[in-house]
N, C-alpha and C. Protein backbone atom coordinates (compact mmCIF):
# COMPACT_ATOMS: atom_id res chain seq x y z
N UNK A 1 0.84 -1.18 0.00
CA UNK A 1 0.00 0.00 0.00
C UNK A 1 0.89 1.23 0.00
N UNK A 2 0.73 2.08 -0.99
CA UNK A 2 1.48 3.32 -1.03
C UNK A 2 0.78 4.40 -0.23
N UNK A 3 1.56 5.28 0.36
CA UNK A 3 1.00 6.38 1.13
C UNK A 3 1.11 7.67 0.35
N UNK A 4 0.09 8.50 0.52
CA UNK A 4 0.08 9.79 -0.16
C UNK A 4 -0.49 10.80 0.81
N UNK A 5 0.27 11.85 1.10
CA UNK A 5 -0.19 12.91 2.00
C UNK A 5 -1.04 13.88 1.20
N UNK A 6 -2.22 14.18 1.71
CA UNK A 6 -3.11 15.13 1.05
C UNK A 6 -3.09 16.42 1.86
N UNK A 7 -2.67 17.48 1.24
CA UNK A 7 -2.58 18.79 1.92
C UNK A 7 -3.97 19.39 2.08
N UNK A 8 -4.35 19.60 3.32
CA UNK A 8 -5.68 20.14 3.60
C UNK A 8 -5.72 21.66 3.43
N UNK A 9 -4.59 22.32 3.58
CA UNK A 9 -4.54 23.77 3.44
C UNK A 9 -4.36 24.12 1.97
N UNK A 10 -5.46 24.19 1.29
CA UNK A 10 -5.45 24.47 -0.15
C UNK A 10 -6.67 25.31 -0.52
N UNK A 11 -6.54 26.04 -1.60
CA UNK A 11 -7.70 26.78 -2.11
C UNK A 11 -8.39 25.99 -3.22
N UNK A 12 -7.75 24.89 -3.63
CA UNK A 12 -8.33 24.07 -4.69
C UNK A 12 -9.11 22.91 -4.05
N UNK A 13 -10.29 23.24 -3.53
CA UNK A 13 -11.08 22.24 -2.80
C UNK A 13 -11.53 21.10 -3.68
N UNK A 14 -11.75 21.36 -4.97
CA UNK A 14 -12.20 20.27 -5.87
C UNK A 14 -11.11 19.21 -5.99
N UNK A 15 -9.87 19.65 -6.12
CA UNK A 15 -8.75 18.71 -6.20
C UNK A 15 -8.62 17.93 -4.88
N UNK A 16 -8.78 18.62 -3.77
CA UNK A 16 -8.72 17.99 -2.45
C UNK A 16 -9.79 16.90 -2.33
N UNK A 17 -11.00 17.21 -2.70
CA UNK A 17 -12.10 16.25 -2.63
C UNK A 17 -11.85 15.09 -3.57
N UNK A 18 -11.35 15.36 -4.77
CA UNK A 18 -11.03 14.30 -5.73
C UNK A 18 -10.00 13.34 -5.13
N UNK A 19 -8.97 13.90 -4.47
CA UNK A 19 -7.94 13.05 -3.88
C UNK A 19 -8.51 12.16 -2.78
N UNK A 20 -9.38 12.73 -1.96
CA UNK A 20 -10.01 11.94 -0.90
C UNK A 20 -10.86 10.82 -1.53
N UNK A 21 -11.70 11.21 -2.49
CA UNK A 21 -12.63 10.26 -3.10
C UNK A 21 -11.91 9.12 -3.83
N UNK A 22 -10.71 9.37 -4.32
CA UNK A 22 -9.96 8.35 -5.06
C UNK A 22 -9.07 7.50 -4.16
N UNK A 23 -9.08 7.77 -2.88
CA UNK A 23 -8.23 7.03 -1.94
C UNK A 23 -8.83 5.68 -1.61
N UNK A 24 -7.94 4.71 -1.29
CA UNK A 24 -8.39 3.40 -0.84
C UNK A 24 -8.73 3.43 0.64
N UNK A 25 -8.08 4.34 1.37
CA UNK A 25 -8.30 4.48 2.79
C UNK A 25 -7.81 5.88 3.17
N UNK A 26 -8.43 6.47 4.19
CA UNK A 26 -8.01 7.77 4.70
C UNK A 26 -7.68 7.62 6.17
N UNK A 27 -6.50 8.09 6.55
CA UNK A 27 -6.08 8.16 7.94
C UNK A 27 -6.11 9.65 8.30
N UNK A 28 -6.89 10.00 9.30
CA UNK A 28 -7.07 11.42 9.61
C UNK A 28 -7.16 11.66 11.11
N UNK A 29 -6.52 12.75 11.54
CA UNK A 29 -6.66 13.19 12.92
C UNK A 29 -7.76 14.25 13.03
N UNK A 30 -8.29 14.66 11.89
CA UNK A 30 -9.35 15.65 11.87
C UNK A 30 -10.70 14.99 11.57
N UNK A 31 -11.69 15.34 12.36
CA UNK A 31 -13.02 14.78 12.15
C UNK A 31 -13.54 15.11 10.76
N UNK A 32 -13.21 16.30 10.26
CA UNK A 32 -13.66 16.69 8.91
C UNK A 32 -13.13 15.70 7.87
N UNK A 33 -11.90 15.25 8.03
CA UNK A 33 -11.32 14.29 7.09
C UNK A 33 -12.04 12.98 7.13
N UNK A 34 -12.41 12.52 8.33
CA UNK A 34 -13.17 11.28 8.48
C UNK A 34 -14.53 11.40 7.82
N UNK A 35 -15.22 12.48 8.12
CA UNK A 35 -16.58 12.68 7.60
C UNK A 35 -16.55 12.79 6.07
N UNK A 36 -15.63 13.57 5.53
CA UNK A 36 -15.57 13.73 4.07
C UNK A 36 -15.27 12.41 3.39
N UNK A 37 -14.30 11.69 3.92
CA UNK A 37 -13.95 10.38 3.32
C UNK A 37 -15.14 9.43 3.34
N UNK A 38 -15.80 9.35 4.49
CA UNK A 38 -16.94 8.45 4.62
C UNK A 38 -18.10 8.87 3.73
N UNK A 39 -18.23 10.16 3.51
CA UNK A 39 -19.30 10.66 2.62
C UNK A 39 -19.10 10.13 1.21
N UNK A 40 -17.85 9.86 0.85
CA UNK A 40 -17.52 9.31 -0.46
C UNK A 40 -17.31 7.79 -0.43
N UNK A 41 -17.64 7.18 0.70
CA UNK A 41 -17.55 5.73 0.81
C UNK A 41 -16.13 5.19 1.00
N UNK A 42 -15.22 6.06 1.42
CA UNK A 42 -13.83 5.67 1.61
C UNK A 42 -13.64 5.24 3.09
N UNK A 43 -13.12 4.03 3.32
CA UNK A 43 -12.87 3.58 4.69
C UNK A 43 -11.86 4.49 5.40
N UNK A 44 -11.99 4.62 6.71
CA UNK A 44 -11.16 5.54 7.48
C UNK A 44 -10.54 4.91 8.71
N UNK A 45 -9.47 5.54 9.19
CA UNK A 45 -8.88 5.25 10.49
C UNK A 45 -8.64 6.59 11.17
N UNK A 46 -9.09 6.69 12.40
CA UNK A 46 -8.88 7.89 13.21
C UNK A 46 -7.48 7.86 13.78
N UNK A 47 -6.69 8.88 13.48
CA UNK A 47 -5.33 9.03 14.02
C UNK A 47 -5.44 9.96 15.22
N UNK A 48 -5.37 9.38 16.40
CA UNK A 48 -5.60 10.14 17.63
C UNK A 48 -4.41 11.01 17.95
N UNK A 49 -4.68 12.31 18.11
CA UNK A 49 -3.67 13.27 18.50
C UNK A 49 -3.55 13.25 20.01
N UNK A 50 -2.40 12.84 20.51
CA UNK A 50 -2.24 12.70 21.96
C UNK A 50 -2.12 14.04 22.66
N UNK A 51 -1.83 15.10 21.90
CA UNK A 51 -1.70 16.43 22.49
C UNK A 51 -3.05 17.05 22.81
N UNK A 52 -4.05 16.73 22.01
CA UNK A 52 -5.35 17.36 22.15
C UNK A 52 -6.39 16.28 22.44
N UNK A 53 -7.16 16.46 23.49
CA UNK A 53 -8.21 15.50 23.78
C UNK A 53 -9.50 15.95 23.08
N UNK A 54 -9.76 15.33 21.94
CA UNK A 54 -10.97 15.66 21.19
C UNK A 54 -11.82 14.42 20.96
N UNK A 55 -11.64 13.43 21.84
CA UNK A 55 -12.38 12.17 21.69
C UNK A 55 -13.89 12.39 21.66
N UNK A 56 -14.38 13.37 22.41
CA UNK A 56 -15.82 13.57 22.48
C UNK A 56 -16.42 13.83 21.11
N UNK A 57 -15.68 14.52 20.23
CA UNK A 57 -16.19 14.79 18.88
C UNK A 57 -16.31 13.49 18.09
N UNK A 58 -15.29 12.67 18.18
CA UNK A 58 -15.29 11.40 17.45
C UNK A 58 -16.33 10.44 18.05
N UNK A 59 -16.40 10.40 19.37
CA UNK A 59 -17.41 9.57 20.04
C UNK A 59 -18.81 9.97 19.56
N UNK A 60 -19.07 11.27 19.50
CA UNK A 60 -20.36 11.77 19.09
C UNK A 60 -20.66 11.40 17.64
N UNK A 61 -19.68 11.61 16.76
CA UNK A 61 -19.87 11.29 15.34
C UNK A 61 -20.13 9.80 15.14
N UNK A 62 -19.26 8.97 15.70
CA UNK A 62 -19.41 7.53 15.50
C UNK A 62 -20.70 7.01 16.11
N UNK A 63 -21.06 7.46 17.32
CA UNK A 63 -22.31 6.97 17.90
C UNK A 63 -23.51 7.50 17.12
N UNK A 64 -23.42 8.71 16.61
CA UNK A 64 -24.51 9.28 15.81
C UNK A 64 -24.71 8.57 14.48
N UNK A 65 -23.71 7.84 14.07
CA UNK A 65 -23.81 7.05 12.84
C UNK A 65 -23.91 5.55 13.12
N UNK A 66 -24.31 5.25 14.36
CA UNK A 66 -24.59 3.87 14.72
C UNK A 66 -23.40 3.02 15.08
N UNK A 67 -22.26 3.64 15.35
CA UNK A 67 -21.05 2.89 15.68
C UNK A 67 -20.55 3.32 17.06
N UNK A 68 -20.85 2.49 18.05
CA UNK A 68 -20.51 2.86 19.42
C UNK A 68 -19.03 2.62 19.71
N UNK A 69 -18.46 1.57 19.13
CA UNK A 69 -17.05 1.28 19.34
C UNK A 69 -16.28 1.47 18.03
N UNK A 70 -15.08 2.00 18.14
CA UNK A 70 -14.23 2.19 16.98
C UNK A 70 -12.77 2.13 17.43
N UNK A 71 -11.93 1.72 16.50
CA UNK A 71 -10.50 1.68 16.79
C UNK A 71 -9.86 2.98 16.36
N UNK A 72 -8.74 3.29 16.97
CA UNK A 72 -7.97 4.46 16.57
C UNK A 72 -6.49 4.10 16.63
N UNK A 73 -5.69 4.92 16.00
CA UNK A 73 -4.24 4.70 15.98
C UNK A 73 -3.55 5.91 16.58
N UNK A 74 -2.35 5.68 17.08
CA UNK A 74 -1.55 6.79 17.62
C UNK A 74 -0.41 7.18 16.69
N UNK A 75 -0.12 6.31 15.70
CA UNK A 75 0.91 6.59 14.72
C UNK A 75 0.42 6.14 13.34
N UNK A 76 1.07 6.64 12.32
CA UNK A 76 0.74 6.24 10.96
C UNK A 76 0.97 4.74 10.78
N UNK A 77 2.09 4.22 11.30
CA UNK A 77 2.38 2.80 11.17
C UNK A 77 1.27 1.95 11.82
N UNK A 78 0.82 2.40 12.98
CA UNK A 78 -0.27 1.69 13.66
C UNK A 78 -1.55 1.77 12.85
N UNK A 79 -1.81 2.93 12.28
CA UNK A 79 -3.04 3.13 11.49
C UNK A 79 -3.08 2.21 10.27
N UNK A 80 -1.94 2.00 9.66
CA UNK A 80 -1.87 1.13 8.48
C UNK A 80 -2.24 -0.30 8.85
N UNK A 81 -1.91 -0.71 10.07
CA UNK A 81 -2.18 -2.08 10.49
C UNK A 81 -3.62 -2.29 10.95
N UNK A 82 -4.31 -1.20 11.28
CA UNK A 82 -5.70 -1.31 11.73
C UNK A 82 -6.61 -1.52 10.52
N UNK A 83 -7.57 -2.39 10.71
CA UNK A 83 -8.57 -2.54 9.66
C UNK A 83 -9.41 -1.26 9.65
N UNK A 84 -9.47 -0.59 8.51
CA UNK A 84 -10.20 0.68 8.49
C UNK A 84 -11.68 0.50 8.75
N UNK A 85 -12.27 1.57 9.24
CA UNK A 85 -13.71 1.58 9.48
C UNK A 85 -14.40 1.59 8.13
N UNK A 86 -14.99 0.48 7.78
CA UNK A 86 -15.70 0.43 6.51
C UNK A 86 -17.13 -0.03 6.68
N UNK A 87 -17.55 -0.08 7.94
CA UNK A 87 -18.95 -0.36 8.19
C UNK A 87 -19.71 0.95 8.19
N UNK A 88 -19.65 1.61 7.07
CA UNK A 88 -20.25 2.93 6.92
C UNK A 88 -21.77 2.83 7.07
N UNK A 89 -22.35 3.83 7.68
CA UNK A 89 -23.82 3.81 7.85
C UNK A 89 -24.49 3.90 6.50
N UNK A 90 -25.65 3.29 6.41
CA UNK A 90 -26.45 3.37 5.18
C UNK A 90 -27.12 4.74 5.14
N UNK A 91 -26.75 5.54 4.17
CA UNK A 91 -27.27 6.90 4.08
C UNK A 91 -28.79 6.90 3.96
N UNK A 92 -29.32 5.96 3.20
CA UNK A 92 -30.77 5.89 3.02
C UNK A 92 -31.49 5.68 4.37
N UNK A 93 -30.93 4.80 5.19
CA UNK A 93 -31.51 4.54 6.50
C UNK A 93 -31.47 5.77 7.39
N UNK A 94 -30.34 6.47 7.36
CA UNK A 94 -30.21 7.67 8.17
C UNK A 94 -31.17 8.76 7.70
N UNK A 95 -31.30 8.91 6.40
CA UNK A 95 -32.22 9.93 5.84
C UNK A 95 -33.66 9.59 6.22
N UNK A 96 -34.04 8.34 6.11
CA UNK A 96 -35.40 7.93 6.44
C UNK A 96 -35.69 8.20 7.92
N UNK A 97 -34.73 7.89 8.77
CA UNK A 97 -34.93 8.11 10.22
C UNK A 97 -35.06 9.60 10.50
N UNK A 98 -34.26 10.42 9.84
CA UNK A 98 -34.37 11.87 10.03
C UNK A 98 -35.71 12.40 9.56
N UNK A 99 -36.15 11.94 8.42
CA UNK A 99 -37.43 12.39 7.86
C UNK A 99 -38.60 11.99 8.77
N UNK A 100 -38.52 10.80 9.35
CA UNK A 100 -39.59 10.32 10.23
C UNK A 100 -39.67 11.10 11.53
N UNK A 101 -38.54 11.60 12.01
CA UNK A 101 -38.53 12.33 13.28
C UNK A 101 -38.59 13.83 13.13
N UNK A 102 -38.45 14.34 11.88
CA UNK A 102 -38.49 15.79 11.66
C UNK A 102 -39.87 16.30 12.02
N UNK A 103 -39.94 17.36 12.84
CA UNK A 103 -41.24 17.80 13.39
C UNK A 103 -42.16 18.57 12.42
N UNK A 104 -41.72 18.81 11.20
CA UNK A 104 -42.55 19.58 10.27
C UNK A 104 -42.76 18.81 8.98
N UNK A 105 -43.84 19.12 8.28
CA UNK A 105 -44.08 18.50 6.97
C UNK A 105 -43.21 19.20 5.93
N UNK A 106 -42.65 18.40 5.06
CA UNK A 106 -41.82 18.96 3.98
C UNK A 106 -42.54 18.82 2.67
């Protein structure tokens, strides 16, 4: 498996999204990277930043998408060895559930 670093600080967002969408797996310490990759069906691994405790954001996202437990890595080498999260939530199911609980008629 070859590694490719994707620069997030760019003004060319289309190229950035294309790179994410064409990836076999995304390793990210940013929740935005995880969400974007999963939106395109790309499996992910959370790279936990030991300097900043932001677990609550990831806990909230994963539980909100029906995944209570998830693995994370502390290094890139560790992330490569982890089976990526590919049990992505079914978008149709999530949309249906949202529509059923939305308090107004659309």
